[in-house]
């Protein structure tokens, strides 16, 4: 091997090593309970929130108004079996009527619409009407518009099958800054890929600081980072991770929403 070829080989190996290092935080060990799967599982669906979906506002995920945040009326409140203490917020599901399961399903399900895609934005709590959301049942309480794409509203409920599916979003991940000068509360939304955030870190001018899930997709830290540009590191439910540097400018304000340049 000539000196020139050795130098070329070393350069190639070095470039490969640097590329691996730069992408070292792209994936971590997968979290089995949250990984998107092609396996269909049985559940039931009902609907709530009124014809205009106004009753789906201010849900357990902290999204307040799903319409202004881009989730619209194709949303679902999850039973406790799927809720995972709010860590399923933002996850996307494909749902289809289980038409072959009974004459009831054949009567009420809309055969021409094989499946719908919804985002988890709320909790359907234990003890809800009809007991549909009681543990250990897997259940989706859909926004009216989502339900009526699957079944006739007169049915009231429908047997379905569901599976996790990747979320598709426009633009980057969004971080809505709340809290106070000493306590940072950040609503994380518009997350593509798995959709649900499992862990989060925040960084000002120093090191990354671990955040705690406050409720839903609101993450908090006693970091006092006012007057510092903010960076975030996120791990999704399927194990993918990404770091977003300088998402918020140095003089960010409470109530401001910052957006990353790219998504999952």
C-alpha atoms as a PDB file:
ATOM      1  CA  UNK A   1       0.000   0.000   0.000  1.00  0.00           C
ATOM      2  CA  UNK A   2       1.434   3.351  -0.988  1.00  0.00           C
ATOM      3  CA  UNK A   3       1.749   6.285   1.377  1.00  0.00           C
ATOM      4  CA  UNK A   4      -0.973   8.138  -0.537  1.00  0.00           C
ATOM      5  CA  UNK A   5      -3.415   5.243  -0.324  1.00  0.00           C
ATOM      6  CA  UNK A   6      -2.689   4.846   3.406  1.00  0.00           C
ATOM      7  CA  UNK A   7      -3.434   8.517   3.946  1.00  0.00           C
ATOM      8  CA  UNK A   8      -6.634   8.155   1.948  1.00  0.00           C
ATOM      9  CA  UNK A   9      -7.692   5.125   3.972  1.00  0.00           C
ATOM     10  CA  UNK A  10      -6.953   6.887   7.256  1.00  0.00           C
ATOM     11  CA  UNK A  11      -8.937   9.888   6.060  1.00  0.00           C
ATOM     12  CA  UNK A  12     -11.887   7.691   5.135  1.00  0.00           C
ATOM     13  CA  UNK A  13     -11.803   5.914   8.504  1.00  0.00           C
ATOM     14  CA  UNK A  14     -11.546   9.233  10.342  1.00  0.00           C
ATOM     15  CA  UNK A  15     -14.479  10.673   8.395  1.00  0.00           C
ATOM     16  CA  UNK A  16     -16.518   7.556   9.137  1.00  0.00           C
ATOM     17  CA  UNK A  17     -15.658   7.811  12.842  1.00  0.00           C
ATOM     18  CA  UNK A  18     -16.639  11.475  12.985  1.00  0.00           C
ATOM     19  CA  UNK A  19     -19.894  10.742  11.183  1.00  0.00           C
ATOM     20  CA  UNK A  20     -20.661   8.013  13.702  1.00  0.00           C
ATOM     21  CA  UNK A  21     -19.892  10.382  16.566  1.00  0.00           C
ATOM     22  CA  UNK A  22     -22.083  13.117  15.104  1.00  0.00           C
ATOM     23  CA  UNK A  23     -24.948  10.670  14.771  1.00  0.00           C
ATOM     24  CA  UNK A  24     -24.301   8.832  18.021  1.00  0.00           C
ATOM     25  CA  UNK A  25     -27.396  10.302  19.618  1.00  0.00           C
ATOM     26  CA  UNK A  26     -29.759   9.415  16.777  1.00  0.00           C
ATOM     27  CA  UNK A  27     -30.949   6.144  18.311  1.00  0.00           C
ATOM     28  CA  UNK A  28     -30.926   4.456  21.693  1.00  0.00           C
ATOM     29  CA  UNK A  29     -32.264   1.144  22.961  1.00  0.00           C
ATOM     30  CA  UNK A  30     -35.888   0.785  21.972  1.00  0.00           C
ATOM     31  CA  UNK A  31     -38.608   1.065  24.600  1.00  0.00           C
ATOM     32  CA  UNK A  32     -40.823  -1.992  23.913  1.00  0.00           C
ATOM     33  CA  UNK A  33     -44.097  -0.586  25.271  1.00  0.00           C
ATOM     34  CA  UNK A  34     -44.045   2.398  22.923  1.00  0.00           C
ATOM     35  CA  UNK A  35     -42.518   1.113  19.702  1.00  0.00           C
ATOM     36  CA  UNK A  36     -44.757   1.455  16.665  1.00  0.00           C
ATOM     37  CA  UNK A  37     -45.923  -1.976  15.576  1.00  0.00           C
ATOM     38  CA  UNK A  38     -47.610  -3.561  12.603  1.00  0.00           C
ATOM     39  CA  UNK A  39     -49.545  -5.894  14.897  1.00  0.00           C
ATOM     40  CA  UNK A  40     -53.252  -5.109  15.036  1.00  0.00           C
ATOM     41  CA  UNK A  41     -54.823  -5.214  18.513  1.00  0.00           C
ATOM     42  CA  UNK A  42     -58.479  -5.256  19.532  1.00  0.00           C
ATOM     43  CA  UNK A  43     -60.247  -2.315  21.171  1.00  0.00           C
ATOM     44  CA  UNK A  44     -63.481  -0.320  21.037  1.00  0.00           C
ATOM     45  CA  UNK A  45     -64.219   3.285  20.138  1.00  0.00           C
ATOM     46  CA  UNK A  46     -66.834   5.773  21.318  1.00  0.00           C
ATOM     47  CA  UNK A  47     -67.006   9.526  20.736  1.00  0.00           C
ATOM     48  CA  UNK A  48     -67.125  12.700  22.822  1.00  0.00           C
ATOM     49  CA  UNK A  49     -66.723  16.449  22.629  1.00  0.00           C
ATOM     50  CA  UNK A  50     -69.739  17.423  20.525  1.00  0.00           C
ATOM     51  CA  UNK A  51     -70.129  17.792  16.777  1.00  0.00           C
ATOM     52  CA  UNK A  52     -67.722  20.753  16.722  1.00  0.00           C
ATOM     53  CA  UNK A  53     -65.137  19.005  18.939  1.00  0.00           C
ATOM     54  CA  UNK A  54     -65.247  21.898  21.422  1.00  0.00           C
ATOM     55  CA  UNK A  55     -65.408  19.360  24.240  1.00  0.00           C
ATOM     56  CA  UNK A  56     -62.009  17.993  23.274  1.00  0.00           C
ATOM     57  CA  UNK A  57     -60.284  21.220  24.349  1.00  0.00           C
ATOM     58  CA  UNK A  58     -58.065  21.443  27.436  1.00  0.00           C
ATOM     59  CA  UNK A  59     -57.389  17.723  27.562  1.00  0.00           C
ATOM     60  CA  UNK A  60     -55.028  15.746  29.729  1.00  0.00           C
ATOM     61  CA  UNK A  61     -52.070  16.143  27.369  1.00  0.00           C
ATOM     62  CA  UNK A  62     -51.872  19.896  27.901  1.00  0.00           C
ATOM     63  CA  UNK A  63     -52.479  20.825  24.276  1.00  0.00           C
ATOM     64  CA  UNK A  64     -55.284  23.246  25.296  1.00  0.00           C
ATOM     65  CA  UNK A  65     -56.641  23.924  21.794  1.00  0.00           C
ATOM     66  CA  UNK A  66     -55.842  20.971  19.490  1.00  0.00           C
ATOM     67  CA  UNK A  67     -56.871  23.027  16.457  1.00  0.00           C
ATOM     68  CA  UNK A  68     -54.392  25.871  16.936  1.00  0.00           C
ATOM     69  CA  UNK A  69     -51.626  23.351  17.656  1.00  0.00           C
ATOM     70  CA  UNK A  70     -52.282  21.446  14.442  1.00  0.00           C
ATOM     71  CA  UNK A  71     -54.023  18.326  15.752  1.00  0.00           C
ATOM     72  CA  UNK A  72     -57.496  19.261  14.534  1.00  0.00           C
ATOM     73  CA  UNK A  73     -60.458  16.955  15.141  1.00  0.00           C
ATOM     74  CA  UNK A  74     -58.754  13.667  14.293  1.00  0.00           C
ATOM     75  CA  UNK A  75     -57.912  13.050  17.926  1.00  0.00           C
ATOM     76  CA  UNK A  76     -58.554  10.528  20.673  1.00  0.00           C
ATOM     77  CA  UNK A  77     -58.763  10.275  24.435  1.00  0.00           C
ATOM     78  CA  UNK A  78     -57.017   7.092  25.570  1.00  0.00           C
ATOM     79  CA  UNK A  79     -58.110   4.665  28.244  1.00  0.00           C
ATOM     80  CA  UNK A  80     -55.749   4.112  31.157  1.00  0.00           C
ATOM     81  CA  UNK A  81     -54.427   0.930  29.561  1.00  0.00           C
ATOM     82  CA  UNK A  82     -52.979   3.028  26.722  1.00  0.00           C
ATOM     83  CA  UNK A  83     -52.336   6.298  28.571  1.00  0.00           C
ATOM     84  CA  UNK A  84     -49.013   5.372  30.198  1.00  0.00           C
ATOM     85  CA  UNK A  85     -49.253   8.232  32.722  1.00  0.00           C
ATOM     86  CA  UNK A  86     -49.512  10.734  29.890  1.00  0.00           C
ATOM     87  CA  UNK A  87     -46.377   9.577  28.110  1.00  0.00           C
ATOM     88  CA  UNK A  88     -48.531   8.357  25.206  1.00  0.00           C
ATOM     89  CA  UNK A  89     -49.604  11.932  24.463  1.00  0.00           C
ATOM     90  CA  UNK A  90     -48.826  12.825  20.875  1.00  0.00           C
ATOM     91  CA  UNK A  91     -48.658   9.201  19.729  1.00  0.00           C
ATOM     92  CA  UNK A  92     -50.442   8.385  16.476  1.00  0.00           C
ATOM     93  CA  UNK A  93     -52.693   5.415  15.866  1.00  0.00           C
ATOM     94  CA  UNK A  94     -54.307   3.802  12.866  1.00  0.00           C
ATOM     95  CA  UNK A  95     -57.772   2.475  13.703  1.00  0.00           C
ATOM     96  CA  UNK A  96     -60.090   0.330  11.602  1.00  0.00           C
ATOM     97  CA  UNK A  97     -63.501  -1.166  12.238  1.00  0.00           C
ATOM     98  CA  UNK A  98     -63.476  -4.873  12.999  1.00  0.00           C
ATOM     99  CA  UNK A  99     -66.328  -5.469  10.585  1.00  0.00           C
ATOM    100  CA  UNK A 100     -66.029  -9.246  10.585  1.00  0.00           C
ATOM    101  CA  UNK A 101     -66.424  -9.438  14.361  1.00  0.00           C
ATOM    102  CA  UNK A 102     -70.219  -9.261  14.550  1.00  0.00           C
ATOM    103  CA  UNK A 103     -73.456  -8.425  12.777  1.00  0.00           C
ATOM    104  CA  UNK A 104     -73.486  -5.220  14.856  1.00  0.00           C
ATOM    105  CA  UNK A 105     -70.220  -4.074  13.301  1.00  0.00           C
ATOM    106  CA  UNK A 106     -71.391  -5.001   9.831  1.00  0.00           C
ATOM    107  CA  UNK A 107     -74.519  -2.914  10.369  1.00  0.00           C
ATOM    108  CA  UNK A 108     -72.897   0.237  11.745  1.00  0.00           C
ATOM    109  CA  UNK A 109     -69.318   0.400  10.475  1.00  0.00           C
ATOM    110  CA  UNK A 110     -68.585   2.295   7.258  1.00  0.00           C
ATOM    111  CA  UNK A 111     -67.046  -0.323   5.003  1.00  0.00           C
ATOM    112  CA  UNK A 112     -65.913   2.228   2.409  1.00  0.00           C
ATOM    113  CA  UNK A 113     -63.487   3.868   4.859  1.00  0.00           C
ATOM    114  CA  UNK A 114     -61.050   1.137   5.905  1.00  0.00           C
ATOM    115  CA  UNK A 115     -59.133   3.114   8.557  1.00  0.00           C
ATOM    116  CA  UNK A 116     -58.522   6.474  10.211  1.00  0.00           C
ATOM    117  CA  UNK A 117     -55.430   8.065  11.742  1.00  0.00           C
ATOM    118  CA  UNK A 118     -55.690   9.879  15.080  1.00  0.00           C
ATOM    119  CA  UNK A 119     -53.405  11.523  17.620  1.00  0.00           C
ATOM    120  CA  UNK A 120     -53.651  10.959  21.377  1.00  0.00           C
ATOM    121  CA  UNK A 121     -54.535  14.294  23.006  1.00  0.00           C
ATOM    122  CA  UNK A 122     -56.528  13.393  26.116  1.00  0.00           C
ATOM    123  CA  UNK A 123     -57.283  10.830  28.825  1.00  0.00           C
ATOM    124  CA  UNK A 124     -60.535   8.903  29.025  1.00  0.00           C
ATOM    125  CA  UNK A 125     -60.594   8.348  32.788  1.00  0.00           C
ATOM    126  CA  UNK A 126     -61.574   5.356  34.851  1.00  0.00           C
ATOM    127  CA  UNK A 127     -65.294   5.392  35.635  1.00  0.00           C
ATOM    128  CA  UNK A 128     -66.327   7.191  32.456  1.00  0.00           C
ATOM    129  CA  UNK A 129     -69.821   6.619  31.048  1.00  0.00           C
ATOM    130  CA  UNK A 130     -70.432   3.019  30.053  1.00  0.00           C
ATOM    131  CA  UNK A 131     -67.234   1.757  31.654  1.00  0.00           C
ATOM    132  CA  UNK A 132     -65.502   1.699  28.275  1.00  0.00           C
ATOM    133  CA  UNK A 133     -62.303   3.234  29.612  1.00  0.00           C
ATOM    134  CA  UNK A 134     -62.078   1.160  32.771  1.00  0.00           C
ATOM    135  CA  UNK A 135     -58.907  -0.856  33.259  1.00  0.00           C
ATOM    136  CA  UNK A 136     -57.693  -3.059  31.655  1.00  0.00           C
ATOM    137  CA  UNK A 137     -59.641  -2.179  28.493  1.00  0.00           C
ATOM    138  CA  UNK A 138     -57.894  -0.682  25.479  1.00  0.00           C
ATOM    139  CA  UNK A 139     -60.260   2.051  24.337  1.00  0.00           C
ATOM    140  CA  UNK A 140     -60.321   5.195  22.192  1.00  0.00           C
ATOM    141  CA  UNK A 141     -62.852   7.933  22.906  1.00  0.00           C
ATOM    142  CA  UNK A 142     -62.692   9.719  19.568  1.00  0.00           C
ATOM    143  CA  UNK A 143     -63.562  13.236  18.553  1.00  0.00           C
ATOM    144  CA  UNK A 144     -66.930  13.150  16.784  1.00  0.00           C
ATOM    145  CA  UNK A 145     -65.453  13.816  13.323  1.00  0.00           C
ATOM    146  CA  UNK A 146     -63.036  10.917  13.686  1.00  0.00           C
ATOM    147  CA  UNK A 147     -65.693   8.488  14.928  1.00  0.00           C
ATOM    148  CA  UNK A 148     -68.120   9.272  12.115  1.00  0.00           C
ATOM    149  CA  UNK A 149     -65.468   8.428   9.545  1.00  0.00           C
ATOM    150  CA  UNK A 150     -65.464   4.905  10.988  1.00  0.00           C
ATOM    151  CA  UNK A 151     -69.068   4.271  11.978  1.00  0.00           C
ATOM    152  CA  UNK A 152     -72.550   5.752  12.017  1.00  0.00           C
ATOM    153  CA  UNK A 153     -72.988   8.041  15.023  1.00  0.00           C
ATOM    154  CA  UNK A 154     -76.202   6.202  15.959  1.00  0.00           C
ATOM    155  CA  UNK A 155     -74.093   3.172  16.831  1.00  0.00           C
ATOM    156  CA  UNK A 156     -72.559   4.924  19.827  1.00  0.00           C
ATOM    157  CA  UNK A 157     -69.624   2.534  19.849  1.00  0.00           C
ATOM    158  CA  UNK A 158     -67.809   0.194  17.498  1.00  0.00           C
ATOM    159  CA  UNK A 159     -65.409  -2.749  17.786  1.00  0.00           C
ATOM    160  CA  UNK A 160     -62.075  -1.866  16.195  1.00  0.00           C
ATOM    161  CA  UNK A 161     -58.486  -2.867  15.749  1.00  0.00           C
ATOM    162  CA  UNK A 162     -55.614  -0.426  16.214  1.00  0.00           C
ATOM    163  CA  UNK A 163     -51.872  -0.134  15.794  1.00  0.00           C
ATOM    164  CA  UNK A 164     -49.227   2.526  16.350  1.00  0.00           C
ATOM    165  CA  UNK A 165     -48.208   4.432  13.252  1.00  0.00           C
ATOM    166  CA  UNK A 166     -45.575   7.123  12.614  1.00  0.00           C
ATOM    167  CA  UNK A 167     -46.797  10.698  13.006  1.00  0.00           C
ATOM    168  CA  UNK A 168     -46.405  13.049  10.049  1.00  0.00           C
ATOM    169  CA  UNK A 169     -45.956  16.724  10.898  1.00  0.00           C
ATOM    170  CA  UNK A 170     -45.229  19.942   9.043  1.00  0.00           C
ATOM    171  CA  UNK A 171     -42.271  21.949  10.270  1.00  0.00           C
ATOM    172  CA  UNK A 172     -40.112  21.315  13.290  1.00  0.00           C
ATOM    173  CA  UNK A 173     -40.786  20.298  16.875  1.00  0.00           C
ATOM    174  CA  UNK A 174     -42.408  23.142  18.816  1.00  0.00           C
ATOM    175  CA  UNK A 175     -41.596  24.249  22.351  1.00  0.00           C
ATOM    176  CA  UNK A 176     -44.076  26.555  24.105  1.00  0.00           C
ATOM    177  CA  UNK A 177     -42.316  28.339  26.958  1.00  0.00           C
ATOM    178  CA  UNK A 178     -44.304  28.752  30.174  1.00  0.00           C
ATOM    179  CA  UNK A 179     -43.532  28.828  33.894  1.00  0.00           C
ATOM    180  CA  UNK A 180     -41.750  31.712  35.641  1.00  0.00           C
ATOM    181  CA  UNK A 181     -38.220  33.174  35.880  1.00  0.00           C
ATOM    182  CA  UNK A 182     -37.110  30.371  38.213  1.00  0.00           C
ATOM    183  CA  UNK A 183     -39.082  27.431  36.863  1.00  0.00           C
ATOM    184  CA  UNK A 184     -39.261  26.424  33.223  1.00  0.00           C
ATOM    185  CA  UNK A 185     -42.430  24.683  32.030  1.00  0.00           C
ATOM    186  CA  UNK A 186     -42.315  23.656  28.376  1.00  0.00           C
ATOM    187  CA  UNK A 187     -45.145  22.225  26.291  1.00  0.00           C
ATOM    188  CA  UNK A 188     -43.581  20.042  23.594  1.00  0.00           C
ATOM    189  CA  UNK A 189     -45.748  19.357  20.557  1.00  0.00           C
ATOM    190  CA  UNK A 190     -45.839  18.863  16.779  1.00  0.00           C
ATOM    191  CA  UNK A 191     -43.528  15.881  17.177  1.00  0.00           C
ATOM    192  CA  UNK A 192     -43.151  13.596  14.160  1.00  0.00           C
ATOM    193  CA  UNK A 193     -42.099   9.942  14.180  1.00  0.00           C
ATOM    194  CA  UNK A 194     -43.269   8.181  17.337  1.00  0.00           C
ATOM    195  CA  UNK A 195     -44.965  11.429  18.381  1.00  0.00           C
ATOM    196  CA  UNK A 196     -44.677  10.912  22.126  1.00  0.00           C
ATOM    197  CA  UNK A 197     -41.787  12.270  24.179  1.00  0.00           C
ATOM    198  CA  UNK A 198     -40.413   9.870  26.796  1.00  0.00           C
ATOM    199  CA  UNK A 199     -37.552  11.988  28.164  1.00  0.00           C
ATOM    200  CA  UNK A 200     -36.437  15.598  27.782  1.00  0.00           C
ATOM    201  CA  UNK A 201     -33.473  17.801  28.673  1.00  0.00           C
ATOM    202  CA  UNK A 202     -33.041  21.576  28.496  1.00  0.00           C
ATOM    203  CA  UNK A 203     -29.836  23.579  28.131  1.00  0.00           C
ATOM    204  CA  UNK A 204     -28.932  27.218  28.391  1.00  0.00           C
ATOM    205  CA  UNK A 205     -25.322  28.351  28.246  1.00  0.00           C
ATOM    206  CA  UNK A 206     -24.209  25.447  30.440  1.00  0.00           C
ATOM    207  CA  UNK A 207     -24.837  21.719  30.414  1.00  0.00           C
ATOM    208  CA  UNK A 208     -28.031  19.861  29.599  1.00  0.00           C
ATOM    209  CA  UNK A 209     -30.403  19.702  32.567  1.00  0.00           C
ATOM    210  CA  UNK A 210     -32.907  16.810  32.907  1.00  0.00           C
ATOM    211  CA  UNK A 211     -36.577  17.766  32.781  1.00  0.00           C
ATOM    212  CA  UNK A 212     -39.449  16.054  34.583  1.00  0.00           C
ATOM    213  CA  UNK A 213     -42.819  15.273  33.092  1.00  0.00           C
ATOM    214  CA  UNK A 214     -45.147  17.716  34.832  1.00  0.00           C
ATOM    215  CA  UNK A 215     -48.358  16.553  33.179  1.00  0.00           C
ATOM    216  CA  UNK A 216     -49.174  15.369  29.704  1.00  0.00           C
ATOM    217  CA  UNK A 217     -46.536  16.785  27.361  1.00  0.00           C
ATOM    218  CA  UNK A 218     -45.617  19.617  29.740  1.00  0.00           C
ATOM    219  CA  UNK A 219     -42.038  19.175  30.911  1.00  0.00           C
ATOM    220  CA  UNK A 220     -40.460  21.191  33.728  1.00  0.00           C
ATOM    221  CA  UNK A 221     -37.094  22.060  35.237  1.00  0.00           C
ATOM    222  CA  UNK A 222     -35.922  24.368  38.039  1.00  0.00           C
ATOM    223  CA  UNK A 223     -33.185  25.722  35.819  1.00  0.00           C
ATOM    224  CA  UNK A 224     -33.686  29.536  35.777  1.00  0.00           C
ATOM    225  CA  UNK A 225     -32.579  29.954  32.168  1.00  0.00           C
ATOM    226  CA  UNK A 226     -33.948  33.416  31.388  1.00  0.00           C
ATOM    227  CA  UNK A 227     -31.610  35.447  29.204  1.00  0.00           C
ATOM    228  CA  UNK A 228     -30.007  32.345  27.698  1.00  0.00           C
ATOM    229  CA  UNK A 229     -30.515  30.727  24.292  1.00  0.00           C
ATOM    230  CA  UNK A 230     -32.204  27.360  24.819  1.00  0.00           C
ATOM    231  CA  UNK A 231     -31.400  23.942  23.412  1.00  0.00           C
ATOM    232  CA  UNK A 232     -33.344  20.723  23.920  1.00  0.00           C
ATOM    233  CA  UNK A 233     -32.643  17.023  23.768  1.00  0.00           C
ATOM    234  CA  UNK A 234     -35.608  14.670  23.338  1.00  0.00           C
ATOM    235  CA  UNK A 235     -36.025  10.912  23.480  1.00  0.00           C
ATOM    236  CA  UNK A 236     -39.209   9.583  21.908  1.00  0.00           C
ATOM    237  CA  UNK A 237     -41.185   6.544  22.976  1.00  0.00           C
ATOM    238  CA  UNK A 238     -39.598   4.426  20.254  1.00  0.00           C
ATOM    239  CA  UNK A 239     -36.096   5.231  21.467  1.00  0.00           C
ATOM    240  CA  UNK A 240     -35.107   7.765  18.821  1.00  0.00           C
ATOM    241  CA  UNK A 241     -33.376  10.842  20.144  1.00  0.00           C
ATOM    242  CA  UNK A 242     -32.432  14.202  18.695  1.00  0.00           C
ATOM    243  CA  UNK A 243     -30.734  17.323  20.003  1.00  0.00           C
ATOM    244  CA  UNK A 244     -31.984  20.757  18.930  1.00  0.00           C
ATOM    245  CA  UNK A 245     -29.488  23.548  19.564  1.00  0.00           C
ATOM    246  CA  UNK A 246     -30.377  27.218  20.097  1.00  0.00           C
ATOM    247  CA  UNK A 247     -34.065  26.691  19.370  1.00  0.00           C
ATOM    248  CA  UNK A 248     -35.104  29.664  21.504  1.00  0.00           C
ATOM    249  CA  UNK A 249     -33.194  32.957  21.199  1.00  0.00           C
ATOM    250  CA  UNK A 250     -31.346  34.479  24.137  1.00  0.00           C
ATOM    251  CA  UNK A 251     -34.142  36.853  25.078  1.00  0.00           C
ATOM    252  CA  UNK A 252     -37.077  34.450  24.831  1.00  0.00           C
ATOM    253  CA  UNK A 253     -40.267  35.320  26.696  1.00  0.00           C
ATOM    254  CA  UNK A 254     -42.872  33.419  28.716  1.00  0.00           C
ATOM    255  CA  UNK A 255     -45.626  32.398  26.308  1.00  0.00           C
ATOM    256  CA  UNK A 256     -43.286  32.305  23.311  1.00  0.00           C
ATOM    257  CA  UNK A 257     -43.268  29.236  21.040  1.00  0.00           C
ATOM    258  CA  UNK A 258     -39.922  28.198  19.570  1.00  0.00           C
ATOM    259  CA  UNK A 259     -39.583  25.806  16.633  1.00  0.00           C
ATOM    260  CA  UNK A 260     -36.691  23.532  15.717  1.00  0.00           C
ATOM    261  CA  UNK A 261     -35.270  23.521  12.204  1.00  0.00           C
ATOM    262  CA  UNK A 262     -36.044  19.844  11.683  1.00  0.00           C
ATOM    263  CA  UNK A 263     -38.228  17.076  13.064  1.00  0.00           C
ATOM    264  CA  UNK A 264     -37.952  13.371  13.740  1.00  0.00           C
END
